[in-house]
């Protein structure tokens, strides 16, 4: 009885056996390589989708703040311009501290096939001067995750996390006055906010 290695050696020396072994080696190699390529592509795709979801989430939230604050703001008859601007700054601070953008952030993350796992909005310390009043900028941070469908070659990797930041800020404003009683005026402002993706 020939030993197994002798049979393999004989098959290698035989041209017919050589072709069979080459085909088997090629198929075996493909069985090893295809899952790795599939898992790499799935992981890359999931990370891109998760990042797109994070960007969309924070930008949609920033848009909610910008929309709420891009308004016309009127003073009272005889009220000084700085008082009118300070009341608006207080209103912007209240809006910026509220979670009005959280719903949009969650919805846009879902629409981009991700799940919103963290949402934070805060006043980032930067301001825009309006007639002596400091109107704050509003920063939004969001984190998303997307499940990765793999064949198991990346053990322990099941989700692709991503995060992003955006800011809503007062870009410009118009200011005019209209007369009211006893030579006094009413100060009127029109505010225009913009949004930007930070990272």
Foldseek 3Di string as FASTA:
>chain_A
DDDPVVVLVVLCVDPVSVVVVVVVVVVVVCVVVVQVVLQVVLQVVQQVLQQVLQQQLQQQLLVVLQVVLQFKFKDDWQDDQVVSVQVSLVVSQVSQQDRPSNVSSQVSSVVSQKGWDDKDKHFPPQFDDDPNHTRTKMKMKTKIKHFGDGPCPPPPDGIHMDMWMKIKYFDDKDWDWDHDPPRTIMIMMGTGIDMDTDD
